[in-house]
Every structure is written in C-alpha cells, then in structure tokens.
Amino acid sequence: MKNYKKILGYVLVLVAVLILVFLPNMVYPIPDKDGMDTGIYILEVVLNITRYVVLSIFSFILGIKLAFNN
C-alpha cells in the first residue's frame, strides 16, 4: 500500500507542474457573441488564474507529503 501512495504522490506533483505549464491556455474566458465587458473579462481571468494556482499548490503539497513520507 505504501508503494501506491508514493506513485500517487509523484502523479500529483506531475499534475501540479502540468497545470502551471498549461496555465496560459486555460485562463482566458471565451467571449460571448455580443462581446464582453472589459471589467468582467479581467475578473474572470483573475479568478481562473487564482483557481488553477490554488489547485496546483494543493496538488503539489499533497504530492510531496505522499511521495516523501517515511
């Protein structure tokens, strides 16, 4: 069972790195047909960046704890 935790830890660290690598492609919202207000567009971009960075940090910390726990 301990070996599966170590593999899961490495996978979570890999997921965290991949989220940060592909972050620029995932943060920009798709505008509507009528366009989008600049303030709402910037707010959605900031919220998406925050969401993915928090998810990446959580995944990285959990992965490190699982991979290198004695």
PDB file of N, CA and C in Angstrom:
ATOM      1  N   MET A   1       0.824  -1.200   0.000  1.00  0.00           N
ATOM      2  CA  MET A   1       0.000   0.000   0.000  1.00  0.00           C
ATOM      3  C   MET A   1       0.865   1.258   0.000  1.00  0.00           C
ATOM      4  N   LYS A   2       2.011   1.184   0.623  1.00  0.00           N
ATOM      5  CA  LYS A   2       2.883   2.351   0.701  1.00  0.00           C
ATOM      6  C   LYS A   2       3.419   2.731  -0.683  1.00  0.00           C
ATOM      7  N   ASN A   3       3.644   1.729  -1.529  1.00  0.00           N
ATOM      8  CA  ASN A   3       4.144   1.989  -2.870  1.00  0.00           C
ATOM      9  C   ASN A   3       3.116   2.759  -3.696  1.00  0.00           C
ATOM     10  N   TYR A   4       1.831   2.482  -3.512  1.00  0.00           N
ATOM     11  CA  TYR A   4       0.789   3.209  -4.243  1.00  0.00           C
ATOM     12  C   TYR A   4       0.725   4.666  -3.805  1.00  0.00           C
ATOM     13  N   LYS A   5       0.951   4.910  -2.533  1.00  0.00           N
ATOM     14  CA  LYS A   5       0.967   6.293  -2.046  1.00  0.00           C
ATOM     15  C   LYS A   5       2.124   7.069  -2.657  1.00  0.00           C
ATOM     16  N   LYS A   6       3.267   6.422  -2.802  1.00  0.00           N
ATOM     17  CA  LYS A   6       4.428   7.075  -3.389  1.00  0.00           C
ATOM     18  C   LYS A   6       4.164   7.396  -4.866  1.00  0.00           C
ATOM     19  N   ILE A   7       3.572   6.462  -5.591  1.00  0.00           N
ATOM     20  CA  ILE A   7       3.240   6.692  -7.003  1.00  0.00           C
ATOM     21  C   ILE A   7       2.197   7.797  -7.119  1.00  0.00           C
ATOM     22  N   LEU A   8       1.191   7.773  -6.262  1.00  0.00           N
ATOM     23  CA  LEU A   8       0.182   8.827  -6.267  1.00  0.00           C
ATOM     24  C   LEU A   8       0.797  10.187  -5.968  1.00  0.00           C
ATOM     25  N   GLY A   9       1.761  10.227  -5.071  1.00  0.00           N
ATOM     26  CA  GLY A   9       2.458  11.465  -4.763  1.00  0.00           C
ATOM     27  C   GLY A   9       3.191  12.024  -5.969  1.00  0.00           C
ATOM     28  N   TYR A  10       3.891  11.158  -6.684  1.00  0.00           N
ATOM     29  CA  TYR A  10       4.593  11.608  -7.889  1.00  0.00           C
ATOM     30  C   TYR A  10       3.621  12.076  -8.961  1.00  0.00           C
ATOM     31  N   VAL A  11       2.493  11.401  -9.084  1.00  0.00           N
ATOM     32  CA  VAL A  11       1.487  11.807 -10.070  1.00  0.00           C
ATOM     33  C   VAL A  11       0.901  13.172  -9.713  1.00  0.00           C
ATOM     34  N   LEU A  12       0.648  13.417  -8.440  1.00  0.00           N
ATOM     35  CA  LEU A  12       0.118  14.714  -8.023  1.00  0.00           C
ATOM     36  C   LEU A  12       1.113  15.842  -8.257  1.00  0.00           C
ATOM     37  N   VAL A  13       2.397  15.571  -8.036  1.00  0.00           N
ATOM     38  CA  VAL A  13       3.414  16.589  -8.331  1.00  0.00           C
ATOM     39  C   VAL A  13       3.456  16.856  -9.833  1.00  0.00           C
ATOM     40  N   LEU A  14       3.359  15.806 -10.635  1.00  0.00           N
ATOM     41  CA  LEU A  14       3.335  15.971 -12.086  1.00  0.00           C
ATOM     42  C   LEU A  14       2.117  16.767 -12.534  1.00  0.00           C
ATOM     43  N   VAL A  15       0.964  16.498 -11.942  1.00  0.00           N
ATOM     44  CA  VAL A  15      -0.255  17.248 -12.265  1.00  0.00           C
ATOM     45  C   VAL A  15      -0.081  18.724 -11.914  1.00  0.00           C
ATOM     46  N   ALA A  16       0.529  19.003 -10.780  1.00  0.00           N
ATOM     47  CA  ALA A  16       0.757  20.393 -10.373  1.00  0.00           C
ATOM     48  C   ALA A  16       1.653  21.122 -11.369  1.00  0.00           C
ATOM     49  N   VAL A  17       2.690  20.459 -11.819  1.00  0.00           N
ATOM     50  CA  VAL A  17       3.594  21.080 -12.790  1.00  0.00           C
ATOM     51  C   VAL A  17       2.891  21.278 -14.126  1.00  0.00           C
ATOM     52  N   LEU A  18       2.113  20.295 -14.569  1.00  0.00           N
ATOM     53  CA  LEU A  18       1.404  20.419 -15.841  1.00  0.00           C
ATOM     54  C   LEU A  18       0.351  21.526 -15.811  1.00  0.00           C
ATOM     55  N   ILE A  19      -0.297  21.701 -14.669  1.00  0.00           N
ATOM     56  CA  ILE A  19      -1.271  22.795 -14.539  1.00  0.00           C
ATOM     57  C   ILE A  19      -0.571  24.134 -14.736  1.00  0.00           C
ATOM     58  N   LEU A  20       0.593  24.297 -14.124  1.00  0.00           N
ATOM     59  CA  LEU A  20       1.305  25.565 -14.265  1.00  0.00           C
ATOM     60  C   LEU A  20       1.888  25.758 -15.659  1.00  0.00           C
ATOM     61  N   VAL A  21       2.263  24.664 -16.334  1.00  0.00           N
ATOM     62  CA  VAL A  21       2.805  24.781 -17.689  1.00  0.00           C
ATOM     63  C   VAL A  21       1.716  25.192 -18.675  1.00  0.00           C
ATOM     64  N   PHE A  22       0.535  24.596 -18.541  1.00  0.00           N
ATOM     65  CA  PHE A  22      -0.551  24.886 -19.473  1.00  0.00           C
ATOM     66  C   PHE A  22      -1.485  25.992 -18.990  1.00  0.00           C
ATOM     67  N   LEU A  23      -1.092  26.708 -17.944  1.00  0.00           N
ATOM     68  CA  LEU A  23      -1.919  27.765 -17.371  1.00  0.00           C
ATOM     69  C   LEU A  23      -2.312  28.851 -18.369  1.00  0.00           C
ATOM     70  N   PRO A  24      -1.416  29.344 -19.209  1.00  0.00           N
ATOM     71  CA  PRO A  24      -1.832  30.418 -20.127  1.00  0.00           C
ATOM     72  C   PRO A  24      -2.946  30.013 -21.095  1.00  0.00           C
ATOM     73  N   ASN A  25      -3.034  28.747 -21.451  1.00  0.00           N
ATOM     74  CA  ASN A  25      -4.086  28.298 -22.361  1.00  0.00           C
ATOM     75  C   ASN A  25      -5.430  28.124 -21.674  1.00  0.00           C
ATOM     76  N   MET A  26      -5.432  27.986 -20.355  1.00  0.00           N
ATOM     77  CA  MET A  26      -6.666  27.670 -19.638  1.00  0.00           C
ATOM     78  C   MET A  26      -7.340  28.869 -18.990  1.00  0.00           C
ATOM     79  N   VAL A  27      -6.684  30.008 -18.898  1.00  0.00           N
ATOM     80  CA  VAL A  27      -7.237  31.087 -18.086  1.00  0.00           C
ATOM     81  C   VAL A  27      -8.141  32.046 -18.839  1.00  0.00           C
ATOM     82  N   TYR A  28      -8.008  32.147 -20.137  1.00  0.00           N
ATOM     83  CA  TYR A  28      -8.768  33.161 -20.859  1.00  0.00           C
ATOM     84  C   TYR A  28     -10.180  32.676 -21.159  1.00  0.00           C
ATOM     85  N   PRO A  29     -11.209  33.422 -20.723  1.00  0.00           N
ATOM     86  CA  PRO A  29     -12.585  33.013 -20.976  1.00  0.00           C
ATOM     87  C   PRO A  29     -12.962  33.238 -22.443  1.00  0.00           C
ATOM     88  N   ILE A  30     -13.960  32.510 -22.890  1.00  0.00           N
ATOM     89  CA  ILE A  30     -14.455  32.654 -24.263  1.00  0.00           C
ATOM     90  C   ILE A  30     -15.505  33.755 -24.265  1.00  0.00           C
ATOM     91  N   PRO A  31     -15.290  34.805 -25.063  1.00  0.00           N
ATOM     92  CA  PRO A  31     -16.269  35.901 -25.069  1.00  0.00           C
ATOM     93  C   PRO A  31     -17.575  35.483 -25.746  1.00  0.00           C
ATOM     94  N   ASP A  32     -18.658  36.159 -25.375  1.00  0.00           N
ATOM     95  CA  ASP A  32     -19.961  35.894 -25.965  1.00  0.00           C
ATOM     96  C   ASP A  32     -20.015  36.441 -27.387  1.00  0.00           C
ATOM     97  N   LYS A  33     -21.142  36.173 -28.073  1.00  0.00           N
ATOM     98  CA  LYS A  33     -21.323  36.697 -29.426  1.00  0.00           C
ATOM     99  C   LYS A  33     -21.385  38.221 -29.424  1.00  0.00           C
ATOM    100  N   ASP A  34     -21.993  38.779 -28.394  1.00  0.00           N
ATOM    101  CA  ASP A  34     -22.150  40.229 -28.307  1.00  0.00           C
ATOM    102  C   ASP A  34     -20.917  40.924 -27.755  1.00  0.00           C
ATOM    103  N   GLY A  35     -19.929  40.182 -27.360  1.00  0.00           N
ATOM    104  CA  GLY A  35     -18.747  40.760 -26.736  1.00  0.00           C
ATOM    105  C   GLY A  35     -18.829  40.627 -25.227  1.00  0.00           C
ATOM    106  N   MET A  36     -17.841  41.169 -24.563  1.00  0.00           N
ATOM    107  CA  MET A  36     -17.792  41.050 -23.111  1.00  0.00           C
ATOM    108  C   MET A  36     -17.234  42.351 -22.541  1.00  0.00           C
ATOM    109  N   ASP A  37     -17.770  42.739 -21.426  1.00  0.00           N
ATOM    110  CA  ASP A  37     -17.278  43.928 -20.737  1.00  0.00           C
ATOM    111  C   ASP A  37     -15.848  43.682 -20.260  1.00  0.00           C
ATOM    112  N   THR A  38     -15.019  44.691 -20.364  1.00  0.00           N
ATOM    113  CA  THR A  38     -13.608  44.547 -20.006  1.00  0.00           C
ATOM    114  C   THR A  38     -13.426  44.201 -18.530  1.00  0.00           C
ATOM    115  N   GLY A  39     -14.210  44.810 -17.665  1.00  0.00           N
ATOM    116  CA  GLY A  39     -14.099  44.526 -16.233  1.00  0.00           C
ATOM    117  C   GLY A  39     -14.452  43.084 -15.912  1.00  0.00           C
ATOM    118  N   ILE A  40     -15.511  42.584 -16.533  1.00  0.00           N
ATOM    119  CA  ILE A  40     -15.911  41.194 -16.297  1.00  0.00           C
ATOM    120  C   ILE A  40     -14.871  40.234 -16.864  1.00  0.00           C
ATOM    121  N   TYR A  41     -14.330  40.583 -18.032  1.00  0.00           N
ATOM    122  CA  TYR A  41     -13.297  39.742 -18.646  1.00  0.00           C
ATOM    123  C   TYR A  41     -12.072  39.639 -17.741  1.00  0.00           C
ATOM    124  N   ILE A  42     -11.603  40.763 -17.227  1.00  0.00           N
ATOM    125  CA  ILE A  42     -10.428  40.765 -16.340  1.00  0.00           C
ATOM    126  C   ILE A  42     -10.730  40.006 -15.052  1.00  0.00           C
ATOM    127  N   LEU A  43     -11.944  40.174 -14.510  1.00  0.00           N
ATOM    128  CA  LEU A  43     -12.328  39.453 -13.295  1.00  0.00           C
ATOM    129  C   LEU A  43     -12.321  37.946 -13.530  1.00  0.00           C
ATOM    130  N   GLU A  44     -12.839  37.498 -14.667  1.00  0.00           N
ATOM    131  CA  GLU A  44     -12.849  36.064 -14.960  1.00  0.00           C
ATOM    132  C   GLU A  44     -11.430  35.531 -15.147  1.00  0.00           C
ATOM    133  N   VAL A  45     -10.556  36.310 -15.766  1.00  0.00           N
ATOM    134  CA  VAL A  45      -9.165  35.886 -15.936  1.00  0.00           C
ATOM    135  C   VAL A  45      -8.489  35.748 -14.575  1.00  0.00           C
ATOM    136  N   VAL A  46      -8.679  36.724 -13.699  1.00  0.00           N
ATOM    137  CA  VAL A  46      -8.063  36.674 -12.364  1.00  0.00           C
ATOM    138  C   VAL A  46      -8.614  35.501 -11.560  1.00  0.00           C
ATOM    139  N   LEU A  47      -9.913  35.260 -11.638  1.00  0.00           N
ATOM    140  CA  LEU A  47     -10.497  34.126 -10.920  1.00  0.00           C
ATOM    141  C   LEU A  47      -9.980  32.792 -11.454  1.00  0.00           C
ATOM    142  N   ASN A  48      -9.838  32.680 -12.770  1.00  0.00           N
ATOM    143  CA  ASN A  48      -9.303  31.437 -13.338  1.00  0.00           C
ATOM    144  C   ASN A  48      -7.854  31.215 -12.937  1.00  0.00           C
ATOM    145  N   ILE A  49      -7.045  32.272 -12.960  1.00  0.00           N
ATOM    146  CA  ILE A  49      -5.648  32.141 -12.534  1.00  0.00           C
ATOM    147  C   ILE A  49      -5.576  31.717 -11.076  1.00  0.00           C
ATOM    148  N   THR A  50      -6.371  32.352 -10.233  1.00  0.00           N
ATOM    149  CA  THR A  50      -6.383  32.009  -8.804  1.00  0.00           C
ATOM    150  C   THR A  50      -6.810  30.566  -8.596  1.00  0.00           C
ATOM    151  N   ARG A  51      -7.834  30.145  -9.296  1.00  0.00           N
ATOM    152  CA  ARG A  51      -8.331  28.772  -9.158  1.00  0.00           C
ATOM    153  C   ARG A  51      -7.253  27.758  -9.518  1.00  0.00           C
ATOM    154  N   TYR A  52      -6.583  27.944 -10.639  1.00  0.00           N
ATOM    155  CA  TYR A  52      -5.597  26.966 -11.078  1.00  0.00           C
ATOM    156  C   TYR A  52      -4.321  27.002 -10.237  1.00  0.00           C
ATOM    157  N   VAL A  53      -3.922  28.167  -9.766  1.00  0.00           N
ATOM    158  CA  VAL A  53      -2.729  28.244  -8.919  1.00  0.00           C
ATOM    159  C   VAL A  53      -2.992  27.587  -7.563  1.00  0.00           C
ATOM    160  N   VAL A  54      -4.164  27.815  -6.986  1.00  0.00           N
ATOM    161  CA  VAL A  54      -4.503  27.170  -5.704  1.00  0.00           C
ATOM    162  C   VAL A  54      -4.589  25.654  -5.886  1.00  0.00           C
ATOM    163  N   LEU A  55      -5.195  25.200  -6.977  1.00  0.00           N
ATOM    164  CA  LEU A  55      -5.264  23.768  -7.251  1.00  0.00           C
ATOM    165  C   LEU A  55      -3.867  23.180  -7.430  1.00  0.00           C
ATOM    166  N   SER A  56      -2.985  23.909  -8.094  1.00  0.00           N
ATOM    167  CA  SER A  56      -1.622  23.433  -8.300  1.00  0.00           C
ATOM    168  C   SER A  56      -0.848  23.367  -6.984  1.00  0.00           C
ATOM    169  N   ILE A  57      -0.983  24.386  -6.149  1.00  0.00           N
ATOM    170  CA  ILE A  57      -0.291  24.385  -4.859  1.00  0.00           C
ATOM    171  C   ILE A  57      -0.789  23.248  -3.973  1.00  0.00           C
ATOM    172  N   PHE A  58      -2.106  23.050  -3.924  1.00  0.00           N
ATOM    173  CA  PHE A  58      -2.674  21.964  -3.125  1.00  0.00           C
ATOM    174  C   PHE A  58      -2.176  20.611  -3.625  1.00  0.00           C
ATOM    175  N   SER A  59      -2.182  20.420  -4.945  1.00  0.00           N
ATOM    176  CA  SER A  59      -1.729  19.160  -5.519  1.00  0.00           C
ATOM    177  C   SER A  59      -0.250  18.928  -5.253  1.00  0.00           C
ATOM    178  N   PHE A  60       0.556  19.982  -5.340  1.00  0.00           N
ATOM    179  CA  PHE A  60       1.991  19.851  -5.110  1.00  0.00           C
ATOM    180  C   PHE A  60       2.293  19.492  -3.657  1.00  0.00           C
ATOM    181  N   ILE A  61       1.653  20.175  -2.720  1.00  0.00           N
ATOM    182  CA  ILE A  61       1.901  19.897  -1.295  1.00  0.00           C
ATOM    183  C   ILE A  61       1.449  18.491  -0.927  1.00  0.00           C
ATOM    184  N   LEU A  62       0.271  18.101  -1.393  1.00  0.00           N
ATOM    185  CA  LEU A  62      -0.212  16.747  -1.103  1.00  0.00           C
ATOM    186  C   LEU A  62       0.678  15.699  -1.755  1.00  0.00           C
ATOM    187  N   GLY A  63       1.136  15.970  -2.967  1.00  0.00           N
ATOM    188  CA  GLY A  63       2.033  15.038  -3.651  1.00  0.00           C
ATOM    189  C   GLY A  63       3.356  14.885  -2.938  1.00  0.00           C
ATOM    190  N   ILE A  64       3.929  15.988  -2.467  1.00  0.00           N
ATOM    191  CA  ILE A  64       5.197  15.923  -1.727  1.00  0.00           C
ATOM    192  C   ILE A  64       5.024  15.141  -0.432  1.00  0.00           C
ATOM    193  N   LYS A  65       3.907  15.371   0.267  1.00  0.00           N
ATOM    194  CA  LYS A  65       3.676  14.644   1.518  1.00  0.00           C
ATOM    195  C   LYS A  65       3.521  13.143   1.271  1.00  0.00           C
ATOM    196  N   LEU A  66       2.827  12.777   0.194  1.00  0.00           N
ATOM    197  CA  LEU A  66       2.642  11.362  -0.086  1.00  0.00           C
ATOM    198  C   LEU A  66       3.909  10.700  -0.626  1.00  0.00           C
ATOM    199  N   ALA A  67       4.656  11.410  -1.450  1.00  0.00           N
ATOM    200  CA  ALA A  67       5.827  10.805  -2.078  1.00  0.00           C
ATOM    201  C   ALA A  67       6.998  10.651  -1.118  1.00  0.00           C
ATOM    202  N   PHE A  68       7.182  11.600  -0.222  1.00  0.00           N
ATOM    203  CA  PHE A  68       8.365  11.578   0.625  1.00  0.00           C
ATOM    204  C   PHE A  68       8.063  11.362   2.093  1.00  0.00           C
ATOM    205  N   ASN A  69       6.908  10.774   2.392  1.00  0.00           N
ATOM    206  CA  ASN A  69       6.552  10.443   3.764  1.00  0.00           C
ATOM    207  C   ASN A  69       7.201   9.123   4.148  1.00  0.00           C
ATOM    208  N   ASN A  70       7.907   9.085   5.250  1.00  0.00           N
ATOM    209  CA  ASN A  70       8.605   7.854   5.654  1.00  0.00           C
ATOM    210  C   ASN A  70       7.685   6.907   6.351  1.00  0.00           C
TER     211      ASN A  70
END
